């Protein structure tokens, strides 16, 4: 199951140096709602290898600003505390895996 991040918990996860995947989303965003189950599936498959979660951009704004999120859904992939990849818009599980798997190697 994907973690429900807050600004604080997202920052802690990123600073841990682990591979972290964050889905930036909003309740009013149709593509975000459709991407939700895809992110959940990613968490089910790779949650033992990476920290995978979601952050509501209307509730947690600091991390959104820090990462220059301009549109949703946006999924950021972090490793060693740095953004390694970015996915914008409604994408497939295969698209997310293509960005995640190289970071796990």
N, C-alpha and C. Protein backbone atom coordinates (compact mmCIF):
# COMPACT_ATOMS: atom_id res chain seq x y z
N UNK A 1 0.84 -1.19 0.00
CA UNK A 1 0.00 0.00 0.00
C UNK A 1 0.88 1.25 0.00
N UNK A 2 0.51 2.22 -0.81
CA UNK A 2 1.25 3.47 -0.90
C UNK A 2 1.09 4.27 0.39
N UNK A 3 2.15 4.88 0.82
CA UNK A 3 2.17 5.72 2.02
C UNK A 3 1.48 7.04 1.71
N UNK A 4 0.75 7.58 2.69
CA UNK A 4 0.19 8.92 2.57
C UNK A 4 1.19 9.87 3.22
N UNK A 5 2.01 10.52 2.40
CA UNK A 5 3.05 11.41 2.90
C UNK A 5 2.49 12.73 3.38
N UNK A 6 3.20 13.32 4.36
CA UNK A 6 3.05 14.72 4.73
C UNK A 6 4.34 15.39 4.28
N UNK A 7 4.41 16.70 4.38
CA UNK A 7 5.66 17.39 4.05
C UNK A 7 6.80 16.79 4.87
N UNK A 8 6.55 16.59 6.16
CA UNK A 8 7.59 16.10 7.07
C UNK A 8 8.02 14.67 6.72
N UNK A 9 7.06 13.77 6.53
CA UNK A 9 7.43 12.38 6.27
C UNK A 9 8.05 12.21 4.89
N UNK A 10 7.61 13.01 3.92
CA UNK A 10 8.23 12.95 2.59
C UNK A 10 9.68 13.41 2.66
N UNK A 11 9.92 14.50 3.39
CA UNK A 11 11.28 15.03 3.52
C UNK A 11 12.17 13.99 4.21
N UNK A 12 11.66 13.36 5.27
CA UNK A 12 12.43 12.34 5.99
C UNK A 12 12.78 11.17 5.08
N UNK A 13 11.82 10.73 4.27
CA UNK A 13 12.06 9.61 3.35
C UNK A 13 13.12 9.98 2.32
N UNK A 14 13.01 11.18 1.74
CA UNK A 14 13.97 11.63 0.73
C UNK A 14 15.37 11.73 1.33
N UNK A 15 15.47 12.31 2.53
CA UNK A 15 16.77 12.50 3.18
C UNK A 15 17.39 11.19 3.64
N UNK A 16 16.60 10.12 3.69
CA UNK A 16 17.13 8.82 4.10
C UNK A 16 18.11 8.24 3.07
N UNK A 17 18.04 8.77 1.83
CA UNK A 17 18.90 8.28 0.77
C UNK A 17 18.34 7.08 0.03
N UNK A 18 17.24 6.54 0.54
CA UNK A 18 16.61 5.39 -0.12
C UNK A 18 15.96 5.82 -1.44
N UNK A 19 15.57 4.83 -2.23
CA UNK A 19 14.78 5.13 -3.44
C UNK A 19 13.37 5.47 -2.96
N UNK A 20 12.90 6.66 -3.35
CA UNK A 20 11.59 7.15 -2.93
C UNK A 20 10.81 7.57 -4.17
N UNK A 21 9.56 7.14 -4.24
CA UNK A 21 8.67 7.52 -5.34
C UNK A 21 7.50 8.27 -4.72
N UNK A 22 7.27 9.51 -5.18
CA UNK A 22 6.16 10.31 -4.64
C UNK A 22 5.25 10.74 -5.78
N UNK A 23 3.98 10.39 -5.62
CA UNK A 23 2.93 10.81 -6.54
C UNK A 23 2.30 12.08 -5.99
N UNK A 24 2.49 13.21 -6.68
CA UNK A 24 1.87 14.48 -6.30
C UNK A 24 0.52 14.54 -6.99
N UNK A 25 -0.55 14.66 -6.20
CA UNK A 25 -1.89 14.56 -6.76
C UNK A 25 -2.85 15.52 -6.06
N UNK A 26 -4.09 15.60 -6.57
CA UNK A 26 -5.15 16.41 -5.97
C UNK A 26 -6.48 15.70 -6.19
N UNK A 27 -7.40 15.90 -5.25
CA UNK A 27 -8.71 15.23 -5.32
C UNK A 27 -9.52 15.71 -6.51
N UNK A 28 -9.31 16.95 -6.95
CA UNK A 28 -10.08 17.53 -8.05
C UNK A 28 -9.52 17.19 -9.43
N UNK A 29 -8.44 16.43 -9.47
CA UNK A 29 -7.74 16.13 -10.72
C UNK A 29 -8.12 14.73 -11.22
N UNK A 30 -8.87 14.67 -12.31
CA UNK A 30 -9.31 13.39 -12.87
C UNK A 30 -8.18 12.43 -13.20
N UNK A 31 -7.14 12.88 -13.93
CA UNK A 31 -6.03 11.99 -14.22
C UNK A 31 -5.32 11.49 -12.95
N UNK A 32 -5.29 12.35 -11.90
CA UNK A 32 -4.68 11.94 -10.63
C UNK A 32 -5.44 10.77 -10.02
N UNK A 33 -6.75 10.85 -10.06
CA UNK A 33 -7.59 9.80 -9.49
C UNK A 33 -7.37 8.49 -10.26
N UNK A 34 -7.23 8.59 -11.58
CA UNK A 34 -6.98 7.40 -12.40
C UNK A 34 -5.59 6.82 -12.17
N UNK A 35 -4.62 7.69 -11.86
CA UNK A 35 -3.25 7.22 -11.61
C UNK A 35 -3.12 6.54 -10.24
N UNK A 36 -4.03 6.87 -9.32
CA UNK A 36 -3.96 6.32 -7.96
C UNK A 36 -3.79 4.81 -7.91
N UNK A 37 -4.64 4.04 -8.58
CA UNK A 37 -4.50 2.59 -8.55
C UNK A 37 -3.18 2.09 -9.16
N UNK A 38 -2.65 2.83 -10.13
CA UNK A 38 -1.38 2.46 -10.76
C UNK A 38 -0.25 2.61 -9.74
N UNK A 39 -0.29 3.70 -8.97
CA UNK A 39 0.72 3.93 -7.93
C UNK A 39 0.58 2.87 -6.84
N UNK A 40 -0.64 2.50 -6.51
CA UNK A 40 -0.87 1.44 -5.51
C UNK A 40 -0.27 0.13 -5.99
N UNK A 41 -0.45 -0.18 -7.27
CA UNK A 41 0.10 -1.41 -7.83
C UNK A 41 1.63 -1.38 -7.79
N UNK A 42 2.21 -0.22 -8.09
CA UNK A 42 3.66 -0.06 -8.01
C UNK A 42 4.13 -0.32 -6.58
N UNK A 43 3.40 0.21 -5.61
CA UNK A 43 3.76 0.01 -4.19
C UNK A 43 3.64 -1.45 -3.80
N UNK A 44 2.63 -2.14 -4.31
CA UNK A 44 2.47 -3.57 -4.00
C UNK A 44 3.65 -4.38 -4.54
N UNK A 45 4.10 -4.02 -5.75
CA UNK A 45 5.17 -4.78 -6.39
C UNK A 45 6.56 -4.46 -5.85
N UNK A 46 6.79 -3.18 -5.51
CA UNK A 46 8.15 -2.75 -5.18
C UNK A 46 8.28 -2.10 -3.80
N UNK A 47 7.24 -2.17 -3.00
CA UNK A 47 7.25 -1.54 -1.67
C UNK A 47 8.31 -2.08 -0.73
N UNK A 48 8.82 -3.27 -1.02
CA UNK A 48 9.88 -3.82 -0.18
C UNK A 48 11.26 -3.32 -0.62
N UNK A 49 11.34 -2.67 -1.78
CA UNK A 49 12.62 -2.19 -2.32
C UNK A 49 12.71 -0.67 -2.36
N UNK A 50 11.56 0.00 -2.30
CA UNK A 50 11.52 1.46 -2.39
C UNK A 50 10.40 1.99 -1.49
N UNK A 51 10.52 3.25 -1.12
CA UNK A 51 9.47 3.92 -0.35
C UNK A 51 8.56 4.60 -1.36
N UNK A 52 7.31 4.14 -1.44
CA UNK A 52 6.40 4.62 -2.48
C UNK A 52 5.15 5.19 -1.82
N UNK A 53 4.80 6.42 -2.21
CA UNK A 53 3.63 7.04 -1.61
C UNK A 53 3.08 8.19 -2.42
N UNK A 54 2.10 8.85 -1.82
CA UNK A 54 1.37 9.92 -2.46
C UNK A 54 1.36 11.13 -1.54
N UNK A 55 1.27 12.31 -2.14
CA UNK A 55 1.13 13.52 -1.34
C UNK A 55 0.09 14.43 -1.99
N UNK A 56 -0.88 14.86 -1.21
CA UNK A 56 -1.96 15.72 -1.69
C UNK A 56 -1.43 17.15 -1.74
N UNK A 57 -1.37 17.72 -2.94
CA UNK A 57 -0.76 19.04 -3.11
C UNK A 57 -1.56 20.16 -2.45
N UNK A 58 -2.83 19.93 -2.16
CA UNK A 58 -3.65 20.95 -1.51
C UNK A 58 -3.48 20.94 0.01
N UNK A 59 -3.00 19.84 0.54
CA UNK A 59 -2.84 19.72 2.00
C UNK A 59 -1.40 19.92 2.44
N UNK A 60 -0.45 19.54 1.61
CA UNK A 60 0.97 19.62 1.93
C UNK A 60 1.65 20.45 0.84
N UNK A 61 2.01 21.68 1.16
CA UNK A 61 2.47 22.59 0.12
C UNK A 61 3.98 22.83 0.10
N UNK A 62 4.66 22.60 1.20
CA UNK A 62 6.10 22.88 1.24
C UNK A 62 6.88 22.04 0.24
N UNK A 63 6.68 20.74 0.28
CA UNK A 63 7.44 19.82 -0.58
C UNK A 63 7.08 20.05 -2.05
N UNK A 64 5.85 20.49 -2.28
CA UNK A 64 5.40 20.80 -3.65
C UNK A 64 6.23 21.96 -4.21
N UNK A 65 6.35 23.02 -3.42
CA UNK A 65 7.13 24.18 -3.84
C UNK A 65 8.61 23.87 -3.99
N UNK A 66 9.15 23.09 -3.05
CA UNK A 66 10.57 22.74 -3.08
C UNK A 66 10.94 21.97 -4.35
N UNK A 67 9.98 21.21 -4.88
CA UNK A 67 10.26 20.38 -6.05
C UNK A 67 9.69 20.94 -7.35
N UNK A 68 9.19 22.17 -7.31
CA UNK A 68 8.74 22.84 -8.52
C UNK A 68 7.59 22.13 -9.23
N UNK A 69 6.67 21.58 -8.46
CA UNK A 69 5.52 20.88 -9.06
C UNK A 69 4.58 21.92 -9.65
N UNK A 70 4.38 21.87 -10.95
CA UNK A 70 3.54 22.86 -11.65
C UNK A 70 2.23 22.25 -12.15
N UNK A 71 2.21 20.94 -12.35
CA UNK A 71 0.98 20.29 -12.81
C UNK A 71 0.89 18.91 -12.17
N UNK A 72 -0.33 18.43 -12.09
CA UNK A 72 -0.56 17.11 -11.51
C UNK A 72 -1.35 16.25 -12.48
N UNK A 73 -1.18 14.95 -12.44
CA UNK A 73 -0.27 14.24 -11.54
C UNK A 73 1.20 14.35 -12.01
N UNK A 74 2.08 14.46 -11.02
CA UNK A 74 3.51 14.38 -11.26
C UNK A 74 4.07 13.35 -10.30
N UNK A 75 4.88 12.45 -10.81
CA UNK A 75 5.53 11.45 -9.97
C UNK A 75 7.03 11.71 -10.02
N UNK A 76 7.63 11.89 -8.84
CA UNK A 76 9.07 12.10 -8.76
C UNK A 76 9.74 10.86 -8.19
N UNK A 77 10.91 10.57 -8.72
CA UNK A 77 11.70 9.42 -8.30
C UNK A 77 13.00 9.95 -7.70
N UNK A 78 13.23 9.67 -6.43
CA UNK A 78 14.41 10.15 -5.72
C UNK A 78 15.34 8.99 -5.39
N UNK A 79 16.64 9.31 -5.37
CA UNK A 79 17.63 8.37 -4.86
C UNK A 79 18.78 9.22 -4.32
N UNK A 80 19.31 8.83 -3.17
CA UNK A 80 20.38 9.58 -2.53
C UNK A 80 19.99 11.04 -2.31
N UNK A 81 18.69 11.27 -2.03
CA UNK A 81 18.22 12.61 -1.71
C UNK A 81 18.01 13.54 -2.89
N UNK A 82 18.19 13.03 -4.10
CA UNK A 82 18.08 13.87 -5.31
C UNK A 82 17.02 13.30 -6.26
N UNK A 83 16.35 14.20 -7.00
CA UNK A 83 15.40 13.77 -8.03
C UNK A 83 16.19 13.12 -9.16
N UNK A 84 15.84 11.89 -9.49
CA UNK A 84 16.51 11.16 -10.56
C UNK A 84 15.65 11.07 -11.82
N UNK A 85 14.33 11.13 -11.63
CA UNK A 85 13.42 11.02 -12.78
C UNK A 85 12.10 11.68 -12.42
N UNK A 86 11.34 12.03 -13.45
CA UNK A 86 10.06 12.72 -13.28
C UNK A 86 9.10 12.19 -14.34
N UNK A 87 7.86 12.00 -13.91
CA UNK A 87 6.81 11.58 -14.84
C UNK A 87 5.63 12.53 -14.65
N UNK A 88 5.14 13.11 -15.73
CA UNK A 88 4.03 14.06 -15.64
C UNK A 88 2.86 13.53 -16.45
N UNK A 89 1.67 13.58 -15.86
CA UNK A 89 0.46 13.13 -16.55
C UNK A 89 0.11 11.70 -16.22
N UNK A 90 -0.97 11.25 -16.81
CA UNK A 90 -1.46 9.88 -16.59
C UNK A 90 -0.60 8.92 -17.40
N UNK A 91 0.07 8.01 -16.71
CA UNK A 91 0.97 7.06 -17.36
C UNK A 91 0.64 5.65 -16.91
N UNK A 92 1.24 4.68 -17.57
CA UNK A 92 0.98 3.28 -17.25
C UNK A 92 1.95 2.78 -16.18
N UNK A 93 1.65 1.61 -15.64
CA UNK A 93 2.54 0.96 -14.69
C UNK A 93 3.90 0.73 -15.33
N UNK A 94 3.91 0.30 -16.59
CA UNK A 94 5.17 0.05 -17.30
C UNK A 94 6.02 1.32 -17.39
N UNK A 95 5.36 2.47 -17.59
CA UNK A 95 6.09 3.73 -17.67
C UNK A 95 6.76 4.04 -16.33
N UNK A 96 6.04 3.83 -15.24
CA UNK A 96 6.61 4.09 -13.90
C UNK A 96 7.73 3.09 -13.59
N UNK A 97 7.52 1.83 -13.95
CA UNK A 97 8.55 0.81 -13.72
C UNK A 97 9.83 1.14 -14.50
N UNK A 98 9.68 1.68 -15.70
CA UNK A 98 10.84 2.03 -16.53
C UNK A 98 11.71 3.08 -15.86
N UNK A 99 11.11 3.94 -15.06
CA UNK A 99 11.87 4.96 -14.34
C UNK A 99 12.38 4.44 -12.99
N UNK A 100 11.62 3.54 -12.37
CA UNK A 100 11.99 3.01 -11.05
C UNK A 100 13.09 1.94 -11.10
N UNK A 101 12.96 1.01 -12.00
CA UNK A 101 13.87 -0.15 -12.01
C UNK A 101 15.36 0.20 -12.11
N UNK A 102 15.77 1.18 -12.94
CA UNK A 102 17.19 1.51 -12.98
C UNK A 102 17.71 2.03 -11.63
N UNK A 103 16.84 2.64 -10.84
CA UNK A 103 17.25 3.19 -9.53
C UNK A 103 17.43 2.08 -8.49
N UNK A 104 16.77 0.95 -8.72
CA UNK A 104 16.84 -0.17 -7.78
C UNK A 104 18.08 -1.02 -8.00
N UNK A 105 18.66 -0.92 -9.22
CA UNK A 105 19.80 -1.75 -9.59
C UNK A 105 21.01 -1.39 -8.84
